[in-house]
Amino acid sequence: MTQKVAVLGTGKIGEALLSGMIRGGWTPEDLLVTTRRPERAAELRARHGVTPVSNAEAAKAADTLILTVKPQDMGHLVDELAPHLAAHHLIISGAAGIPTSFFEDRLAAGTPVVRVMTNTPALVDEAMSVISAGSHATAAHLAHAEAIFGAVGKTLRVPESQQDACTALSGSGPAYFFYLVEAMTDAGILLGLPRDKAHDLIVQSAIGAATMLRDSGEHPVRLRENVTSPAGTTINAIRELENHGVRAALIAALEAARDRSRELASGTKD
């Protein structure tokens, strides 16, 4: 498989991929980009040395096409690309909710498609990217997708049937943590701390807790229990979280995100 890769609809995530790939060994000459706005194309060329092209030119020149447009724009993009694609192209879709069958039904028979759900920590090389194979994607295609998205974080292979759940957990996941930090910062202000100090305390606590989860191998319950002394401050806070149904609210929120992912997929059907 050649290394000619095109990123179509290059927004923030697409640019993060480009930057990571270049750091990972791809040369700018091997990378093509498409954008809606000429000024955006000029920015990408200036910052990364990549070549802006049209969608049709990308399909003709590249072997791997990474589609990063919004789900509602995917049908139009695929219709534009279809006349220029053959079964040797690898299509990598980063659109939430859209199954690989959507592309397979519209492209040349046997076209390999890989579905990827990444998240915004790709901007700081800490993404969680979940990868699934379509009907015609081989182990080599999956490995190629892992090499691309591994440049900006961690990758995980799952069956496509689990993609909507992964979208709810990790695709949208950073927003939940930002929401929690926002709420805890407000609480810190209520308790008498300046905003900047409350923010620093919470962010570093979050980084430390995440690092412990990743590196210790301990179950989160065990790590929580280590902080929770009998009749102490932590158990009183956790009691209030339980009284207010925070655990149930999180489960319901993730179910809602999963259901919306499925709705996005249904909205792409003819």
Protein backbone atom coordinates (compact mmCIF):
# COMPACT_ATOMS: atom_id res chain seq x y z
CA MET A 1 0.00 0.00 0.00
CA THR A 2 1.39 3.39 -0.96
CA GLN A 3 1.62 6.30 1.41
CA LYS A 4 -0.31 8.87 -0.66
CA VAL A 5 -3.01 10.11 1.69
CA ALA A 6 -5.68 12.77 1.21
CA VAL A 7 -7.65 14.40 4.02
CA LEU A 8 -10.98 15.67 2.74
CA GLY A 9 -12.73 18.46 4.62
CA THR A 10 -9.67 19.43 6.64
CA GLY A 11 -10.87 21.06 9.84
CA LYS A 12 -9.21 21.00 13.26
CA ILE A 13 -9.16 17.22 13.58
CA GLY A 14 -7.99 16.78 10.00
CA GLU A 15 -5.18 19.26 10.56
CA ALA A 16 -4.20 17.48 13.77
CA LEU A 17 -3.93 14.26 11.76
CA LEU A 18 -1.75 15.97 9.16
CA SER A 19 0.55 17.38 11.80
CA GLY A 20 0.83 14.04 13.58
CA MET A 21 1.48 12.14 10.37
CA ILE A 22 4.28 14.52 9.40
CA ARG A 23 5.88 14.08 12.82
CA GLY A 24 5.40 10.34 12.39
CA GLY A 25 7.39 10.20 9.14
CA TRP A 26 5.04 11.07 6.30
CA THR A 27 6.43 13.74 4.02
CA PRO A 28 4.25 16.72 3.08
CA GLU A 29 4.60 15.66 -0.56
CA ASP A 30 2.66 12.50 0.30
CA LEU A 31 -0.25 14.43 1.81
CA LEU A 32 -3.14 16.14 0.04
CA VAL A 33 -5.92 18.22 1.57
CA THR A 34 -9.29 19.54 0.47
CA THR A 35 -11.16 22.45 2.02
CA ARG A 36 -14.18 24.58 1.20
CA ARG A 37 -12.38 27.92 1.56
CA PRO A 38 -9.31 28.99 -0.45
CA GLU A 39 -7.93 30.90 2.54
CA ARG A 40 -8.06 27.72 4.64
CA ALA A 41 -6.21 25.84 1.90
CA ALA A 42 -3.53 28.55 1.90
CA GLU A 43 -3.16 28.24 5.69
CA LEU A 44 -2.63 24.49 5.49
CA ARG A 45 -0.07 24.83 2.71
CA ALA A 46 1.83 27.50 4.65
CA ARG A 47 1.80 25.65 7.98
CA HIS A 48 2.44 22.10 6.81
CA GLY A 49 3.70 22.22 3.23
CA VAL A 50 0.83 19.99 2.05
CA THR A 51 -0.88 20.32 -1.32
CA PRO A 52 -4.48 21.59 -1.47
CA VAL A 53 -6.52 19.98 -4.27
CA SER A 54 -10.14 19.49 -5.25
CA ASN A 55 -12.07 16.45 -4.06
CA ALA A 56 -11.92 14.93 -7.54
CA GLU A 57 -8.16 15.50 -7.75
CA ALA A 58 -7.70 13.91 -4.34
CA ALA A 59 -9.57 10.80 -5.48
CA LYS A 60 -7.42 10.52 -8.60
CA ALA A 61 -4.06 11.09 -6.89
CA ALA A 62 -4.34 9.41 -3.48
CA ASP A 63 -4.70 5.77 -2.50
CA THR A 64 -6.12 6.53 0.95
CA LEU A 65 -8.88 9.07 1.45
CA ILE A 66 -9.77 10.22 4.97
CA LEU A 67 -13.25 11.75 4.99
CA THR A 68 -13.62 14.21 7.87
CA VAL A 69 -16.68 16.19 6.81
CA LYS A 70 -19.81 16.39 8.99
CA PRO A 71 -22.25 13.47 8.78
CA GLN A 72 -24.89 15.57 7.04
CA ASP A 73 -22.39 16.48 4.30
CA MET A 74 -21.11 12.95 3.71
CA GLY A 75 -23.70 11.92 1.11
CA HIS A 76 -22.88 14.83 -1.16
CA LEU A 77 -19.13 14.20 -0.81
CA VAL A 78 -19.44 10.50 -1.63
CA ASP A 79 -21.58 11.27 -4.68
CA GLU A 80 -18.87 13.68 -5.85
CA LEU A 81 -16.09 11.16 -5.29
CA ALA A 82 -17.77 8.02 -6.64
CA PRO A 83 -17.04 8.56 -10.36
CA HIS A 84 -13.33 8.93 -9.60
CA LEU A 85 -12.84 6.02 -7.19
CA ALA A 86 -11.94 2.39 -7.84
CA ALA A 87 -11.77 -0.65 -5.60
CA HIS A 88 -8.06 -0.11 -4.89
CA HIS A 89 -8.81 3.04 -2.90
CA LEU A 90 -9.01 2.82 0.88
CA ILE A 91 -11.76 4.98 2.36
CA ILE A 92 -11.44 6.00 6.01
CA SER A 93 -14.56 7.64 7.41
CA GLY A 94 -14.44 9.78 10.53
CA ALA A 95 -18.14 10.68 10.52
CA ALA A 96 -20.18 9.82 13.62
CA GLY A 97 -22.97 7.35 13.10
CA ILE A 98 -22.44 6.53 9.44
CA PRO A 99 -21.86 2.80 8.85
CA THR A 100 -19.35 1.40 6.38
CA SER A 101 -22.24 -0.03 4.37
CA PHE A 102 -23.25 3.54 3.47
CA PHE A 103 -20.03 3.89 1.49
CA GLU A 104 -19.91 0.33 0.18
CA ASP A 105 -23.37 0.73 -1.35
CA ARG A 106 -22.31 3.89 -3.22
CA LEU A 107 -18.78 3.06 -4.33
CA ALA A 108 -17.20 0.50 -6.63
CA ALA A 109 -17.80 -3.10 -5.62
CA GLY A 110 -15.12 -4.33 -3.24
CA THR A 111 -13.99 -0.88 -2.07
CA PRO A 112 -12.40 -1.24 1.39
CA VAL A 113 -13.84 1.07 4.03
CA VAL A 114 -12.59 1.62 7.57
CA ARG A 115 -14.67 3.50 10.12
CA VAL A 116 -12.87 5.55 12.76
CA MET A 117 -14.20 7.56 15.66
CA THR A 118 -11.53 9.80 17.15
CA ASN A 119 -11.84 12.73 19.55
CA THR A 120 -10.55 16.24 20.06
CA PRO A 121 -7.50 15.32 22.21
CA ALA A 122 -5.99 14.51 18.81
CA LEU A 123 -5.08 18.19 18.94
CA VAL A 124 -2.58 17.38 21.72
CA ASP A 125 -1.62 13.87 20.54
CA GLU A 126 -3.79 12.20 23.20
CA ALA A 127 -6.68 11.00 21.05
CA MET A 128 -8.63 7.81 21.56
CA SER A 129 -9.41 6.49 18.07
CA VAL A 130 -11.70 3.49 17.65
CA ILE A 131 -11.29 1.56 14.39
CA SER A 132 -13.67 -0.87 12.67
CA ALA A 133 -13.41 -2.74 9.37
CA GLY A 134 -16.02 -2.74 6.65
CA SER A 135 -16.87 -5.82 4.62
CA HIS A 136 -13.87 -5.52 2.29
CA ALA A 137 -11.21 -4.08 4.61
CA THR A 138 -8.28 -6.37 5.34
CA ALA A 139 -5.86 -6.55 8.24
CA ALA A 140 -3.45 -4.44 6.17
CA HIS A 141 -6.09 -1.73 5.75
CA LEU A 142 -6.73 -1.68 9.50
CA ALA A 143 -3.01 -1.50 10.21
CA HIS A 144 -2.71 1.43 7.80
CA ALA A 145 -5.53 3.27 9.58
CA GLU A 146 -3.87 2.53 12.93
CA ALA A 147 -0.60 3.99 11.67
CA ILE A 148 -2.37 7.20 10.66
CA PHE A 149 -4.44 7.69 13.80
CA GLY A 150 -1.73 6.29 16.07
CA ALA A 151 0.26 9.40 15.19
CA VAL A 152 -2.11 11.44 17.36
CA GLY A 153 -2.87 9.07 20.22
CA LYS A 154 -4.06 5.58 21.05
CA THR A 155 -6.08 3.27 18.79
CA LEU A 156 -8.44 0.42 19.55
CA ARG A 157 -10.09 -2.06 17.17
CA VAL A 158 -13.74 -2.92 17.83
CA PRO A 159 -16.54 -4.57 15.85
CA GLU A 160 -18.55 -1.98 13.97
CA SER A 161 -21.62 -2.89 16.02
CA GLN A 162 -19.88 -1.23 18.99
CA GLN A 163 -19.05 2.04 17.22
CA ASP A 164 -22.12 3.97 18.41
CA ALA A 165 -21.31 3.06 22.02
CA CYS A 166 -17.70 4.13 21.50
CA THR A 167 -18.89 7.41 20.01
CA ALA A 168 -20.91 8.04 23.17
CA LEU A 169 -18.02 7.13 25.49
CA SER A 170 -14.89 8.50 23.85
CA GLY A 171 -15.98 10.49 20.81
CA SER A 172 -18.09 12.79 22.99
CA GLY A 173 -16.20 11.88 26.16
CA PRO A 174 -13.92 14.94 26.40
CA ALA A 175 -16.97 17.20 26.56
CA TYR A 176 -18.21 15.40 29.66
CA PHE A 177 -14.91 16.02 31.42
CA PHE A 178 -14.88 19.67 30.37
CA TYR A 179 -18.43 19.97 31.70
CA LEU A 180 -17.36 18.40 35.01
CA VAL A 181 -14.36 20.71 35.32
CA GLU A 182 -16.62 23.69 34.61
CA ALA A 183 -19.02 22.61 37.37
CA MET A 184 -16.21 21.93 39.85
CA THR A 185 -14.64 25.31 39.09
CA ASP A 186 -17.95 27.01 39.88
CA ALA A 187 -18.07 25.02 43.11
CA GLY A 188 -14.57 26.18 43.98
CA ILE A 189 -15.62 29.80 43.47
CA LEU A 190 -18.67 29.20 45.69
CA LEU A 191 -16.33 27.84 48.36
CA GLY A 192 -14.27 31.03 48.23
CA LEU A 193 -11.43 30.30 45.78
CA PRO A 194 -10.44 32.60 42.91
CA ARG A 195 -11.36 31.12 39.52
CA ASP A 196 -7.77 30.69 38.35
CA LYS A 197 -6.74 28.81 41.49
CA ALA A 198 -9.83 26.59 41.41
CA HIS A 199 -9.10 25.81 37.76
CA ASP A 200 -5.47 24.90 38.42
CA LEU A 201 -6.42 22.66 41.35
CA ILE A 202 -9.03 20.77 39.34
CA VAL A 203 -7.03 20.38 36.14
CA GLN A 204 -3.96 19.01 37.91
CA SER A 205 -6.14 16.70 40.00
CA ALA A 206 -7.74 15.42 36.78
CA ILE A 207 -4.35 14.86 35.13
CA GLY A 208 -3.05 13.04 38.20
CA ALA A 209 -6.15 10.87 38.52
CA ALA A 210 -6.10 9.95 34.83
CA THR A 211 -2.41 9.07 35.00
CA MET A 212 -3.03 6.83 38.03
CA LEU A 213 -5.87 5.07 36.20
CA ARG A 214 -3.69 4.51 33.16
CA ASP A 215 -0.47 3.50 34.87
CA SER A 216 -1.50 1.71 38.05
CA GLY A 217 -3.71 -0.98 36.55
CA GLU A 218 -6.02 -0.60 39.55
CA HIS A 219 -9.80 -0.65 39.25
CA PRO A 220 -11.28 2.84 39.65
CA VAL A 221 -13.30 1.63 42.65
CA ARG A 222 -10.07 0.69 44.45
CA LEU A 223 -8.47 4.04 43.64
CA ARG A 224 -11.57 5.86 44.87
CA GLU A 225 -11.63 3.81 48.08
CA ASN A 226 -8.01 4.79 48.73
CA VAL A 227 -9.15 8.42 48.94
CA THR A 228 -12.33 7.70 50.91
CA SER A 229 -11.66 7.66 54.65
CA PRO A 230 -14.40 6.62 57.11
CA ALA A 231 -16.58 9.60 58.04
CA GLY A 232 -14.28 11.84 56.03
CA THR A 233 -14.78 14.62 53.51
CA THR A 234 -14.73 12.43 50.41
CA ILE A 235 -17.46 10.03 51.50
CA ASN A 236 -19.71 12.95 52.36
CA ALA A 237 -19.22 14.38 48.87
CA ILE A 238 -19.85 10.99 47.24
CA ARG A 239 -23.04 10.58 49.27
CA GLU A 240 -24.31 13.84 47.78
CA LEU A 241 -23.37 12.73 44.27
CA GLU A 242 -25.38 9.55 44.80
CA ASN A 243 -28.28 11.45 46.36
CA HIS A 244 -28.46 13.65 43.27
CA GLY A 245 -28.36 10.70 40.90
CA VAL A 246 -25.09 11.63 39.19
CA ARG A 247 -24.29 8.02 38.27
CA ALA A 248 -27.75 7.48 36.76
CA ALA A 249 -27.53 10.80 34.95
CA LEU A 250 -24.21 9.81 33.35
CA ILE A 251 -25.63 6.51 32.16
CA ALA A 252 -28.67 8.26 30.70
CA ALA A 253 -26.44 10.87 29.02
CA LEU A 254 -24.31 8.23 27.31
CA GLU A 255 -27.40 6.36 26.17
CA ALA A 256 -28.69 9.61 24.65
CA ALA A 257 -25.38 10.15 22.84
CA ARG A 258 -25.47 6.58 21.49
CA ASP A 259 -29.04 7.02 20.30
CA ARG A 260 -28.16 10.26 18.53
CA SER A 261 -25.31 8.50 16.76
CA ARG A 262 -27.83 5.97 15.46
CA GLU A 263 -30.15 8.77 14.37
CA LEU A 264 -27.33 10.38 12.39
CA ALA A 265 -26.87 7.10 10.56
CA SER A 266 -30.58 6.82 9.77
CA GLY A 267 -30.55 10.36 8.43
CA THR A 268 -28.06 9.36 5.72
CA LYS A 269 -30.28 6.64 4.27
CA ASP A 270 -32.03 7.20 1.01
